[in-house]
N, C-alpha and C. Protein backbone atom coordinates (compact mmCIF):
# COMPACT_ATOMS: atom_id res chain seq x y z
N MET A 1 81.12 86.50 109.28
CA MET A 1 80.48 85.72 108.28
C MET A 1 81.31 84.52 107.48
N LEU A 2 82.21 84.13 107.90
CA LEU A 2 83.25 83.59 107.04
C LEU A 2 82.99 82.41 107.23
N ARG A 3 82.68 82.76 108.95
CA ARG A 3 81.91 81.37 109.93
C ARG A 3 81.10 80.85 109.60
N LEU A 4 79.77 81.53 108.88
CA LEU A 4 78.98 81.51 108.77
C LEU A 4 78.53 81.20 107.33
N GLN A 5 79.63 80.97 106.53
CA GLN A 5 79.47 80.28 104.91
C GLN A 5 79.72 79.27 105.31
N GLY A 6 80.84 79.02 106.03
CA GLY A 6 81.65 77.15 106.52
C GLY A 6 82.57 77.65 106.00
N LEU A 7 83.17 78.58 105.54
CA LEU A 7 84.57 78.70 105.57
C LEU A 7 86.01 78.96 106.41
N VAL A 8 85.74 78.88 107.38
CA VAL A 8 86.26 78.58 109.26
C VAL A 8 85.22 78.13 109.74
N ASP A 9 86.17 77.95 111.17
CA ASP A 9 85.61 77.25 112.29
C ASP A 9 85.10 78.41 113.37
N THR A 10 85.94 79.31 113.44
CA THR A 10 85.91 80.26 114.49
C THR A 10 85.57 81.64 114.17
N ASP A 11 86.06 82.48 115.11
CA ASP A 11 85.54 83.91 114.78
C ASP A 11 87.03 84.88 114.81
N ASN A 12 87.89 83.58 114.57
CA ASN A 12 89.67 83.91 115.11
C ASN A 12 90.26 83.59 113.22
N ALA A 13 89.20 84.09 112.26
CA ALA A 13 90.07 83.60 111.11
C ALA A 13 90.75 84.15 110.32
N ARG A 14 91.75 85.22 110.96
CA ARG A 14 93.15 86.12 110.38
C ARG A 14 93.88 85.17 109.43
N GLY A 15 94.36 84.84 108.27
CA GLY A 15 94.85 84.33 108.04
C GLY A 15 94.88 82.70 107.68
N ALA A 16 93.38 82.79 108.32
CA ALA A 16 93.05 80.93 107.37
C ALA A 16 92.64 81.23 105.97
N VAL A 17 92.70 80.16 105.47
CA VAL A 17 92.56 79.17 104.20
C VAL A 17 91.58 80.03 103.60
N GLY A 18 90.02 79.71 104.67
CA GLY A 18 88.87 80.06 103.66
C GLY A 18 88.64 81.70 103.89
N GLN A 19 89.59 82.49 104.94
CA GLN A 19 89.74 84.40 104.47
C GLN A 19 90.11 83.97 102.57
N ARG A 20 91.14 83.58 102.41
CA ARG A 20 91.95 84.03 101.67
C ARG A 20 90.60 83.32 100.64
N GLN A 21 90.11 82.23 100.44
CA GLN A 21 88.91 81.99 99.95
C GLN A 21 88.04 83.12 99.75
N GLU A 22 87.38 83.83 100.55
CA GLU A 22 86.67 85.05 100.17
C GLU A 22 87.55 86.45 99.67
N ILE A 23 88.54 86.05 99.76
CA ILE A 23 89.33 87.09 99.07
C ILE A 23 88.77 86.88 97.46
N ALA A 24 89.13 85.46 97.26
CA ALA A 24 89.37 85.12 95.75
C ALA A 24 87.96 85.78 94.82
N ARG A 25 87.27 84.78 96.25
CA ARG A 25 85.58 84.72 95.25
C ARG A 25 85.31 86.36 95.61
N ARG A 26 85.91 87.15 96.35
CA ARG A 26 84.72 88.43 95.84
C ARG A 26 85.61 89.30 94.31
N ILE A 27 87.43 88.93 94.50
CA ILE A 27 87.91 89.60 93.25
C ILE A 27 87.20 88.68 91.72
N THR A 28 86.85 87.68 91.98
CA THR A 28 86.47 87.03 90.95
C THR A 28 85.07 87.41 90.10
N ASN A 29 84.76 87.39 91.70
CA ASN A 29 82.80 88.77 91.02
C ASN A 29 82.76 89.41 90.81
N ALA A 30 84.49 90.44 91.09
CA ALA A 30 83.79 92.11 90.43
C ALA A 30 84.87 91.52 89.04
N VAL A 31 85.55 91.31 89.23
CA VAL A 31 85.69 90.63 87.38
C VAL A 31 84.95 90.50 86.13
N ALA A 32 84.17 89.67 87.14
CA ALA A 32 83.12 88.80 86.39
C ALA A 32 82.16 89.89 85.76
N ASN A 33 81.56 90.75 87.07
CA ASN A 33 80.94 91.67 86.82
C ASN A 33 80.92 92.93 85.91
N THR A 34 82.25 93.48 85.40
CA THR A 34 83.21 94.36 85.18
C THR A 34 83.64 94.05 83.75
N LEU A 35 83.85 93.38 83.67
CA LEU A 35 84.07 92.58 82.08
C LEU A 35 83.41 92.58 80.86
N PRO A 36 82.04 92.26 81.34
CA PRO A 36 81.13 92.29 79.99
C PRO A 36 80.77 93.90 79.54
N VAL A 37 80.45 94.56 81.00
CA VAL A 37 80.66 96.16 80.50
C VAL A 37 82.01 96.73 80.02
N ALA A 38 82.84 96.68 80.49
CA ALA A 38 84.59 97.27 79.85
C ALA A 38 84.49 96.31 78.64
N LYS A 39 84.36 95.02 77.86
CA LYS A 39 83.82 95.18 76.47
C LYS A 39 83.20 96.60 75.81
N LEU A 40 82.76 96.65 76.49
CA LEU A 40 81.95 97.36 75.38
C LEU A 40 82.26 98.95 75.02
N ASP A 41 83.96 99.03 75.43
CA ASP A 41 84.47 100.24 75.44
C ASP A 41 85.77 100.08 75.08
N VAL A 42 86.24 98.90 74.44
CA VAL A 42 87.21 98.49 74.17
C VAL A 42 88.79 99.81 73.54
N ARG A 43 89.93 99.96 73.25
CA ARG A 43 90.20 101.27 72.81
C ARG A 43 91.74 100.08 72.76
N PRO A 44 92.13 100.35 70.76
CA PRO A 44 92.95 99.41 70.73
C PRO A 44 94.58 100.21 71.48
N HIS A 45 94.03 101.68 70.97
CA HIS A 45 95.13 102.78 70.89
C HIS A 45 95.50 103.69 72.03
N ALA A 46 95.54 103.03 73.22
CA ALA A 46 94.82 103.44 74.26
C ALA A 46 96.79 104.68 74.38
N THR A 47 96.99 105.54 74.96
CA THR A 47 98.51 106.68 75.02
C THR A 47 98.88 105.65 76.42
N LEU A 48 100.17 104.68 76.19
CA LEU A 48 101.39 104.43 77.16
C LEU A 48 102.38 105.31 77.40
N ARG A 49 102.11 105.48 78.19
CA ARG A 49 103.71 106.75 78.76
C ARG A 49 104.13 106.07 80.37
N HIS A 50 105.50 106.38 80.35
CA HIS A 50 106.27 106.03 81.93
C HIS A 50 107.48 107.11 81.91
N THR A 51 107.50 106.94 83.07
CA THR A 51 108.87 108.08 83.71
C THR A 51 108.79 107.77 84.79
N THR A 52 110.48 108.09 84.90
CA THR A 52 111.59 107.62 86.77
C THR A 52 111.48 108.57 87.51
N ARG A 53 111.21 108.10 88.55
CA ARG A 53 111.54 109.76 88.99
C ARG A 53 112.40 109.43 90.18
N VAL A 54 113.47 109.40 91.19
CA VAL A 54 114.46 109.63 92.09
C VAL A 54 113.51 111.39 93.31
N LEU A 55 113.37 110.49 94.67
CA LEU A 55 112.96 112.03 94.84
C LEU A 55 113.21 111.52 96.48
N ASP A 56 113.95 112.65 96.34
CA ASP A 56 114.85 112.78 97.98
C ASP A 56 114.06 113.25 99.02
N LEU A 57 113.65 112.48 99.82
CA LEU A 57 112.33 113.08 100.77
C LEU A 57 113.74 113.59 101.93
N PRO A 58 113.15 114.21 102.95
CA PRO A 58 113.61 114.67 104.41
C PRO A 58 113.37 113.51 105.39
N LYS A 59 114.46 112.92 105.23
CA LYS A 59 114.04 112.17 106.83
C LYS A 59 113.79 112.46 107.86
N ARG A 60 112.53 111.59 108.42
CA ARG A 60 111.98 112.34 110.34
C ARG A 60 113.39 112.36 110.69
N TRP A 61 113.34 114.09 111.26
CA TRP A 61 113.91 114.42 112.30
C TRP A 61 114.35 113.28 114.02
N ILE A 62 114.94 113.19 114.09
CA ILE A 62 115.14 111.26 115.55
C ILE A 62 115.67 113.01 116.51
N THR A 63 114.83 113.08 117.76
CA THR A 63 115.21 114.43 119.02
C THR A 63 115.71 113.70 119.09
N GLU A 64 116.43 114.49 120.43
CA GLU A 64 116.59 113.79 121.73
C GLU A 64 116.49 112.66 122.85
N ASP A 65 114.95 113.81 122.80
CA ASP A 65 113.77 113.03 123.50
C ASP A 65 113.72 111.33 122.34
N ASP A 66 113.38 111.44 122.02
CA ASP A 66 113.25 110.33 120.94
C ASP A 66 114.14 109.29 121.03
N LEU A 67 115.90 109.74 120.98
CA LEU A 67 117.20 109.25 120.86
C LEU A 67 116.74 108.19 122.36
N ALA A 68 116.96 109.00 123.24
CA ALA A 68 116.52 108.54 124.54
C ALA A 68 116.12 107.64 124.64
N GLU A 69 114.39 108.01 124.47
CA GLU A 69 113.55 106.46 125.08
C GLU A 69 113.45 105.49 124.07
N ALA A 70 114.70 105.35 122.85
CA ALA A 70 114.95 104.20 122.02
C ALA A 70 116.20 103.54 123.06
N LYS A 71 117.44 104.51 123.74
CA LYS A 71 118.24 103.69 123.97
C LYS A 71 117.41 102.54 124.23
N ARG A 72 116.04 103.57 126.01
CA ARG A 72 115.89 102.70 126.98
C ARG A 72 115.18 101.80 126.46
N GLU A 73 114.76 101.71 125.51
CA GLU A 73 113.84 100.76 125.32
C GLU A 73 114.29 99.68 124.59
N GLN A 74 115.79 100.08 123.73
CA GLN A 74 116.64 98.83 123.21
C GLN A 74 117.19 97.69 124.37
N ALA A 75 118.19 98.88 125.36
CA ALA A 75 118.74 98.54 126.31
C ALA A 75 117.72 97.11 127.07
N GLY A 76 116.42 97.33 127.59
CA GLY A 76 115.28 96.88 128.26
C GLY A 76 115.22 95.52 127.55
N HIS A 77 115.02 95.95 126.34
CA HIS A 77 114.58 94.16 125.75
C HIS A 77 115.86 93.39 125.71
N LEU A 78 116.90 94.21 125.66
CA LEU A 78 118.39 93.45 125.09
C LEU A 78 118.39 92.73 125.64
N ALA A 79 117.97 93.48 127.44
CA ALA A 79 118.22 92.58 128.49
C ALA A 79 117.48 91.12 128.97
N ARG A 80 116.22 91.91 128.41
CA ARG A 80 115.12 90.45 128.20
C ARG A 80 115.70 89.58 127.49
N TYR A 81 115.80 89.83 126.38
CA TYR A 81 116.14 88.57 125.25
C TYR A 81 117.43 87.82 125.80
N GLN A 82 118.88 88.47 126.69
CA GLN A 82 119.61 87.98 126.84
C GLN A 82 119.79 87.19 128.00
N ALA A 83 118.53 87.85 129.10
CA ALA A 83 118.09 86.41 129.56
C ALA A 83 117.11 85.02 129.27
N LEU A 84 116.40 84.92 128.41
CA LEU A 84 116.09 83.93 127.52
C LEU A 84 116.82 83.16 126.84
N GLN A 85 118.12 83.51 127.15
CA GLN A 85 119.20 82.41 126.29
C GLN A 85 119.04 81.44 126.39
N ASP A 86 118.10 80.41 127.51
CA ASP A 86 117.90 78.99 127.38
C ASP A 86 116.57 78.41 126.33
N ARG A 87 115.95 79.37 126.13
CA ARG A 87 115.11 79.29 125.51
C ARG A 87 115.05 79.00 123.93
N PRO A 88 114.24 78.73 123.38
CA PRO A 88 114.58 77.90 121.96
C PRO A 88 114.24 78.98 121.46
N LEU A 89 114.31 78.93 120.27
CA LEU A 89 115.05 79.85 119.03
C LEU A 89 113.25 80.17 119.18
N THR A 90 112.71 79.55 118.81
CA THR A 90 111.29 79.43 118.44
C THR A 90 110.44 79.87 119.32
N ASP A 91 110.59 80.26 120.55
CA ASP A 91 110.30 80.74 121.53
C ASP A 91 109.68 82.65 121.25
N VAL A 92 108.44 81.95 121.07
CA VAL A 92 107.36 83.43 120.76
C VAL A 92 108.17 84.96 121.48
N GLU A 93 108.91 85.25 122.57
CA GLU A 93 108.63 86.06 123.73
C GLU A 93 110.06 86.72 123.45
N ARG A 94 111.31 85.11 123.58
CA ARG A 94 112.57 85.44 122.29
C ARG A 94 112.16 86.30 121.74
N SER A 95 112.29 85.68 120.88
CA SER A 95 111.77 86.56 119.63
C SER A 95 110.69 87.74 119.63
N ARG A 96 110.38 87.94 120.12
CA ARG A 96 109.63 89.52 120.41
C ARG A 96 110.76 90.14 120.71
N CYS A 97 111.63 89.81 121.96
CA CYS A 97 112.01 90.75 122.79
C CYS A 97 113.77 91.33 121.69
N PHE A 98 114.16 89.63 120.85
CA PHE A 98 115.04 90.35 119.72
C PHE A 98 114.85 90.88 118.68
N GLY A 99 113.21 90.96 118.11
CA GLY A 99 113.21 91.87 117.29
C GLY A 99 113.02 94.02 117.22
N ARG A 100 112.25 93.55 118.99
CA ARG A 100 112.22 95.29 119.66
C ARG A 100 113.31 95.75 119.92
N GLN A 101 114.66 95.38 120.31
CA GLN A 101 115.93 95.84 120.85
C GLN A 101 116.37 95.96 119.09
N ARG A 102 116.21 95.43 117.99
CA ARG A 102 116.65 95.64 117.05
C ARG A 102 115.96 96.68 116.30
N TRP A 103 114.63 96.53 116.72
CA TRP A 103 113.29 97.89 115.97
C TRP A 103 114.36 99.09 116.45
N TYR A 104 113.95 99.25 117.95
CA TYR A 104 114.54 100.56 118.79
C TYR A 104 116.15 100.96 118.58
N GLY A 105 116.86 99.67 118.48
CA GLY A 105 118.22 100.40 117.56
C GLY A 105 117.84 101.65 116.45
N GLY A 106 117.68 100.78 115.44
CA GLY A 106 117.15 101.96 114.33
C GLY A 106 116.91 102.58 114.47
N VAL A 107 116.60 103.39 115.41
CA VAL A 107 116.34 105.41 115.71
C VAL A 107 117.69 105.67 116.04
N VAL A 108 118.72 104.29 116.83
CA VAL A 108 120.01 104.95 117.58
C VAL A 108 120.48 105.74 116.12
N ALA A 109 120.76 104.39 115.18
CA ALA A 109 121.23 104.16 113.92
C ALA A 109 121.13 105.50 113.45
N ARG A 110 120.28 105.94 113.08
CA ARG A 110 119.59 106.73 112.13
C ARG A 110 119.11 107.95 113.08
N HIS A 111 119.63 108.54 114.28
CA HIS A 111 120.39 109.59 114.76
C HIS A 111 121.62 110.03 114.45
N ALA A 112 122.35 108.93 114.39
CA ALA A 112 123.70 108.58 114.14
C ALA A 112 124.40 109.67 113.19
N VAL A 113 123.71 109.40 111.98
CA VAL A 113 123.51 109.72 110.38
C VAL A 113 122.52 110.75 109.60
N GLN A 114 122.37 110.94 110.65
CA GLN A 114 120.99 111.83 110.57
C GLN A 114 121.56 113.59 109.53
N GLU A 115 122.32 114.36 110.35
CA GLU A 115 123.06 115.41 109.79
C GLU A 115 124.35 114.94 108.77
N THR A 116 124.46 113.93 107.92
CA THR A 116 125.04 113.35 107.22
C THR A 116 124.47 113.48 105.67
N GLU A 117 123.65 112.45 106.68
CA GLU A 117 122.37 111.32 105.54
C GLU A 117 120.96 112.27 105.72
N PRO A 118 120.36 113.10 105.35
CA PRO A 118 118.81 114.05 106.12
C PRO A 118 118.02 113.23 105.14
N VAL A 119 118.20 112.64 103.38
CA VAL A 119 117.39 112.69 102.66
C VAL A 119 117.58 111.26 102.30
N LEU A 120 116.39 110.35 102.04
CA LEU A 120 116.12 109.32 101.87
C LEU A 120 115.23 109.44 100.08
N PRO A 121 116.46 109.00 99.16
CA PRO A 121 116.05 108.85 97.73
C PRO A 121 114.88 107.77 97.44
N MET A 122 114.38 107.88 96.90
CA MET A 122 113.23 106.69 96.76
C MET A 122 112.82 107.08 95.14
N GLU A 123 112.88 106.08 94.43
CA GLU A 123 112.58 105.52 93.09
C GLU A 123 110.93 105.26 93.07
N ALA A 124 110.72 106.73 92.16
CA ALA A 124 109.06 105.92 91.90
C ALA A 124 108.90 106.36 90.43
N HIS A 125 107.81 105.74 90.46
CA HIS A 125 107.66 104.92 88.89
C HIS A 125 106.28 105.29 88.50
N ILE A 126 105.45 106.46 87.75
CA ILE A 126 104.46 106.52 87.17
C ILE A 126 104.05 106.71 85.51
N LEU A 127 102.89 105.42 85.62
CA LEU A 127 102.58 104.73 84.08
C LEU A 127 101.14 105.89 84.30
N ARG A 128 101.44 105.88 82.51
CA ARG A 128 99.81 106.72 82.21
C ARG A 128 99.50 105.65 81.28
N VAL A 129 98.29 104.51 81.13
CA VAL A 129 97.54 103.94 80.44
C VAL A 129 96.44 104.32 80.15
N GLY A 130 96.54 104.80 79.19
CA GLY A 130 94.68 106.03 78.86
C GLY A 130 94.69 106.76 79.24
N ASP A 131 92.80 106.56 80.40
CA ASP A 131 92.58 107.77 80.77
C ASP A 131 93.32 107.60 82.43
N VAL A 132 94.40 106.05 82.71
CA VAL A 132 94.06 105.65 83.83
C VAL A 132 96.54 106.50 84.29
N ALA A 133 96.45 106.38 85.53
CA ALA A 133 97.59 106.77 85.74
C ALA A 133 97.77 105.65 87.69
N PHE A 134 99.41 104.99 86.75
CA PHE A 134 99.88 104.29 87.94
C PHE A 134 100.63 105.05 88.72
N ALA A 135 100.94 104.88 90.10
CA ALA A 135 102.44 106.01 90.61
C ALA A 135 102.46 104.57 91.62
N THR A 136 103.93 104.25 91.86
CA THR A 136 104.43 103.65 92.98
C THR A 136 105.24 104.82 93.91
N ASN A 137 105.28 103.97 95.09
CA ASN A 137 106.08 104.67 96.41
C ASN A 137 106.46 103.13 96.92
N GLN A 138 106.98 102.75 98.23
CA GLN A 138 107.62 102.38 98.88
C GLN A 138 106.92 102.26 100.09
N PHE A 139 106.01 103.06 100.69
CA PHE A 139 105.88 103.18 102.34
C PHE A 139 104.83 102.35 102.15
N GLU A 140 104.02 102.57 103.19
CA GLU A 140 102.47 102.03 104.13
C GLU A 140 102.11 103.13 104.04
N LEU A 141 101.42 103.91 103.09
CA LEU A 141 100.59 105.33 103.48
C LEU A 141 99.93 105.44 104.66
N TYR A 142 99.50 106.21 105.07
CA TYR A 142 98.70 106.66 106.13
C TYR A 142 97.46 106.81 104.74
N LEU A 143 96.34 107.02 104.89
CA LEU A 143 94.98 107.07 103.94
C LEU A 143 95.21 108.51 103.29
N ASP A 144 95.55 109.37 104.33
CA ASP A 144 95.61 111.02 103.85
C ASP A 144 96.58 110.91 102.48
N TYR A 145 97.17 110.54 102.77
CA TYR A 145 98.29 110.92 100.88
C TYR A 145 97.49 110.30 99.58
N GLY A 146 97.03 109.09 100.13
CA GLY A 146 96.42 108.21 98.56
C GLY A 146 95.44 109.21 98.73
N ILE A 147 94.77 109.66 99.32
CA ILE A 147 93.63 110.02 99.19
C ILE A 147 93.75 111.52 98.37
N ARG A 148 95.09 112.09 98.82
CA ARG A 148 95.32 113.20 98.05
C ARG A 148 95.45 113.44 96.67
N MET A 149 96.35 112.37 96.82
CA MET A 149 97.37 112.09 95.24
C MET A 149 95.91 111.85 94.60
N LYS A 150 94.64 111.06 94.59
CA LYS A 150 93.75 110.33 93.68
C LYS A 150 92.69 111.70 93.34
N ALA A 151 92.58 112.46 93.95
CA ALA A 151 91.67 113.77 94.62
C ALA A 151 91.55 114.69 93.19
N ARG A 152 93.94 114.58 92.88
CA ARG A 152 93.91 115.67 92.45
C ARG A 152 94.52 115.24 91.25
N SER A 153 94.46 114.13 91.01
CA SER A 153 95.28 113.46 89.87
C SER A 153 94.43 114.16 88.90
N LYS A 154 94.91 114.26 87.39
CA LYS A 154 94.76 114.58 86.15
C LYS A 154 94.14 113.08 85.66
N ALA A 155 94.30 112.15 85.42
CA ALA A 155 93.74 110.95 84.86
C ALA A 155 92.68 110.44 85.90
N ILE A 156 91.54 109.81 85.50
CA ILE A 156 90.21 110.24 85.28
C ILE A 156 90.72 108.92 86.75
N GLN A 157 91.21 107.60 87.21
CA GLN A 157 91.27 106.81 88.37
C GLN A 157 93.02 106.37 88.24
N THR A 158 93.37 106.95 89.03
CA THR A 158 94.76 106.01 89.72
C THR A 158 94.90 105.65 90.83
N PHE A 159 95.72 104.46 90.22
CA PHE A 159 96.16 103.68 91.46
C PHE A 159 97.30 103.92 91.88
N VAL A 160 97.32 104.21 93.37
CA VAL A 160 99.15 104.51 94.02
C VAL A 160 99.05 103.31 94.60
N VAL A 161 100.26 102.56 94.32
CA VAL A 161 100.62 101.45 94.00
C VAL A 161 101.23 101.66 95.34
N GLN A 162 101.57 101.23 96.95
CA GLN A 162 102.45 101.41 97.91
C GLN A 162 103.41 100.00 97.63
N LEU A 163 104.54 100.20 98.70
CA LEU A 163 105.38 98.87 99.04
C LEU A 163 105.90 98.39 98.63
N ALA A 164 106.09 99.49 96.76
CA ALA A 164 106.82 99.10 95.96
C ALA A 164 108.61 99.57 95.98
N GLY A 165 109.43 98.65 97.32
CA GLY A 165 110.64 98.99 97.80
C GLY A 165 110.57 98.76 99.28
N PRO A 166 111.64 98.67 100.18
CA PRO A 166 111.76 98.58 101.21
C PRO A 166 111.25 99.20 102.18
N GLY A 167 109.86 99.97 102.81
CA GLY A 167 109.59 100.49 102.69
C GLY A 167 108.70 100.36 104.23
N THR A 168 108.20 101.27 104.80
CA THR A 168 107.62 101.23 105.98
C THR A 168 106.57 101.97 106.28
N TYR A 169 106.28 102.74 107.30
CA TYR A 169 104.80 103.75 107.95
C TYR A 169 104.70 105.25 107.00
N LEU A 170 104.52 105.54 106.46
CA LEU A 170 104.41 106.89 106.26
C LEU A 170 103.70 108.15 106.88
N PRO A 171 103.52 108.33 108.47
CA PRO A 171 102.64 109.04 108.66
C PRO A 171 102.09 110.18 108.77
N SER A 172 101.12 110.46 108.42
CA SER A 172 100.52 112.34 108.56
C SER A 172 100.60 112.87 109.62
N ALA A 173 100.64 114.34 109.77
CA ALA A 173 101.08 115.16 110.91
C ALA A 173 100.51 114.83 111.73
N ARG A 174 98.64 114.24 111.40
CA ARG A 174 97.90 114.27 112.44
C ARG A 174 98.56 112.87 113.16
N SER A 175 98.57 111.91 113.34
CA SER A 175 98.63 110.82 113.79
C SER A 175 99.96 111.12 114.38
N VAL A 176 100.95 111.57 113.84
CA VAL A 176 102.64 111.89 114.73
C VAL A 176 102.35 112.75 116.18
N ALA A 177 101.22 113.54 115.93
CA ALA A 177 100.90 113.83 116.74
C ALA A 177 99.75 113.97 118.06
N GLY A 178 99.26 112.82 117.00
CA GLY A 178 98.52 111.00 117.84
C GLY A 178 99.31 110.58 118.62
N GLY A 179 100.28 110.14 118.08
CA GLY A 179 101.37 109.66 118.98
C GLY A 179 100.73 107.75 118.19
N SER A 180 99.95 107.29 117.84
CA SER A 180 100.10 106.21 116.99
C SER A 180 100.87 104.99 116.85
N TYR A 181 100.72 103.55 117.06
CA TYR A 181 101.55 102.76 116.82
C TYR A 181 102.85 102.94 115.05
N GLY A 182 102.19 102.45 114.68
CA GLY A 182 103.07 103.37 113.01
C GLY A 182 103.10 104.76 112.35
N SER A 183 102.96 105.77 113.72
CA SER A 183 103.76 107.02 113.55
C SER A 183 105.23 107.23 114.46
N LEU A 184 105.35 106.85 115.15
CA LEU A 184 106.48 106.35 115.88
C LEU A 184 107.79 106.17 115.91
N PRO A 185 108.86 107.34 116.37
CA PRO A 185 110.51 107.51 115.43
C PRO A 185 110.33 105.81 114.64
N ALA A 186 110.25 104.90 115.53
CA ALA A 186 110.81 103.26 115.52
C ALA A 186 110.06 102.99 113.81
N SER A 187 109.01 103.49 113.38
CA SER A 187 107.87 102.77 112.42
C SER A 187 108.30 103.18 111.50
N ASN A 188 108.98 104.61 110.94
CA ASN A 188 108.81 105.27 109.67
C ASN A 188 110.55 105.89 109.43
N HIS A 189 110.82 106.15 108.56
CA HIS A 189 111.89 106.94 108.51
C HIS A 189 112.18 108.21 107.78
N VAL A 190 110.47 108.59 106.86
CA VAL A 190 110.37 109.17 107.06
C VAL A 190 109.15 110.06 107.51
N GLY A 191 108.67 111.71 107.51
CA GLY A 191 107.41 112.06 108.08
C GLY A 191 106.70 112.75 107.48
N ALA A 192 106.20 113.87 107.73
CA ALA A 192 104.97 114.31 107.64
C ALA A 192 105.25 115.19 105.66
N GLU A 193 106.26 115.66 106.70
CA GLU A 193 107.24 116.50 105.21
C GLU A 193 107.37 115.78 104.06
N GLY A 194 108.12 114.89 104.16
CA GLY A 194 108.27 113.72 103.57
C GLY A 194 107.43 113.05 102.43
N GLY A 195 106.33 113.03 103.07
CA GLY A 195 104.78 112.65 102.92
C GLY A 195 104.56 113.64 101.94
N ASP A 196 104.58 114.59 102.53
CA ASP A 196 103.69 116.11 100.94
C ASP A 196 104.45 116.61 99.80
N LEU A 197 105.52 115.91 100.13
CA LEU A 197 106.89 116.26 99.21
C LEU A 197 106.33 115.21 97.92
N LEU A 198 106.06 114.30 98.56
CA LEU A 198 105.69 112.88 97.85
C LEU A 198 104.80 112.83 96.97
N VAL A 199 103.61 113.83 97.91
CA VAL A 199 102.46 113.69 96.98
C VAL A 199 102.50 114.87 95.59
N GLU A 200 103.40 116.06 96.04
CA GLU A 200 103.37 117.30 95.12
C GLU A 200 104.44 117.08 93.94
N GLU A 201 105.02 115.23 94.73
CA GLU A 201 105.58 115.67 92.80
C GLU A 201 105.06 114.09 92.50
N THR A 202 104.36 113.49 92.64
CA THR A 202 103.89 112.42 91.43
C THR A 202 102.83 113.19 91.77
N LEU A 203 101.97 113.89 91.67
CA LEU A 203 100.82 114.83 91.07
C LEU A 203 101.55 115.54 89.63
N ARG A 204 103.44 116.22 89.73
CA ARG A 204 103.84 116.68 89.18
C ARG A 204 104.05 115.57 87.82
N ALA A 205 104.54 114.99 88.87
CA ALA A 205 104.55 113.89 87.27
C ALA A 205 103.51 113.49 86.48
N ILE A 206 102.34 113.18 86.69
CA ILE A 206 101.40 112.66 86.35
C ILE A 206 100.74 113.75 85.59
N ARG A 207 100.88 114.77 85.80
CA ARG A 207 100.70 116.23 85.13
C ARG A 207 100.89 115.77 84.22
N GLU A 208 101.98 115.57 84.51
CA GLU A 208 103.50 115.59 82.68
C GLU A 208 103.08 114.66 81.67
N LEU A 209 102.32 113.78 81.95
CA LEU A 209 102.41 112.35 81.53
C LEU A 209 100.49 112.69 80.70
N PHE A 210 99.53 113.85 81.51
CA PHE A 210 98.73 114.50 80.87
C PHE A 210 98.49 115.54 80.16
N PRO A 211 99.68 115.67 79.13
CA PRO A 211 99.59 117.14 78.99
C PRO A 211 98.43 118.18 78.28
N GLU A 212 97.45 117.19 77.10
CA GLU A 212 96.66 117.65 76.94
C GLU A 212 95.33 118.02 77.28
N GLU A 213 95.76 117.45 79.09
CA GLU A 213 94.16 117.45 80.37
C GLU A 213 94.28 119.39 80.09
């Protein structure tokens, strides 16, 4: 569609200026279509409330099998990286190997401290503006969690604001069982147990901001 509109000249338009122009056009159209209607229901005295919570989310447990695989992958990528030292720093393969060995190295490091540091403290902000709620978290959520928050929220509309902090993927139990990229131990610090807790604590905070509902 971008190519047909003359915004790009290739079907591989990811990250192109034309792609950004199309995103901007859609946002502009959405605002232009909604604003005339929204003006019919102006509320100058909307309820404004805010609360902050620090949630101690259980970290994903790194098993011995997870550790063994991480060490194996880390060693392989490190060896490959060291073999490419004659290539420039901008070389794609050299950069990839460096990144991957660090990625798997994170699993090894987390295993070493999981007995003494079993939880991940996460700061969450819950905001009420009239009938609307905003809830932040530091993760890139699997879809399940956001849907559960929105479906059970007491607010008419709930905005789940992700990646508000140094986040990783937060996989669902189904994705962990399926072994997808975002559910690998190297891709996340918190698993499905922590995701369930995040949902319940977020909903609890929203309920407290809507006591009259």
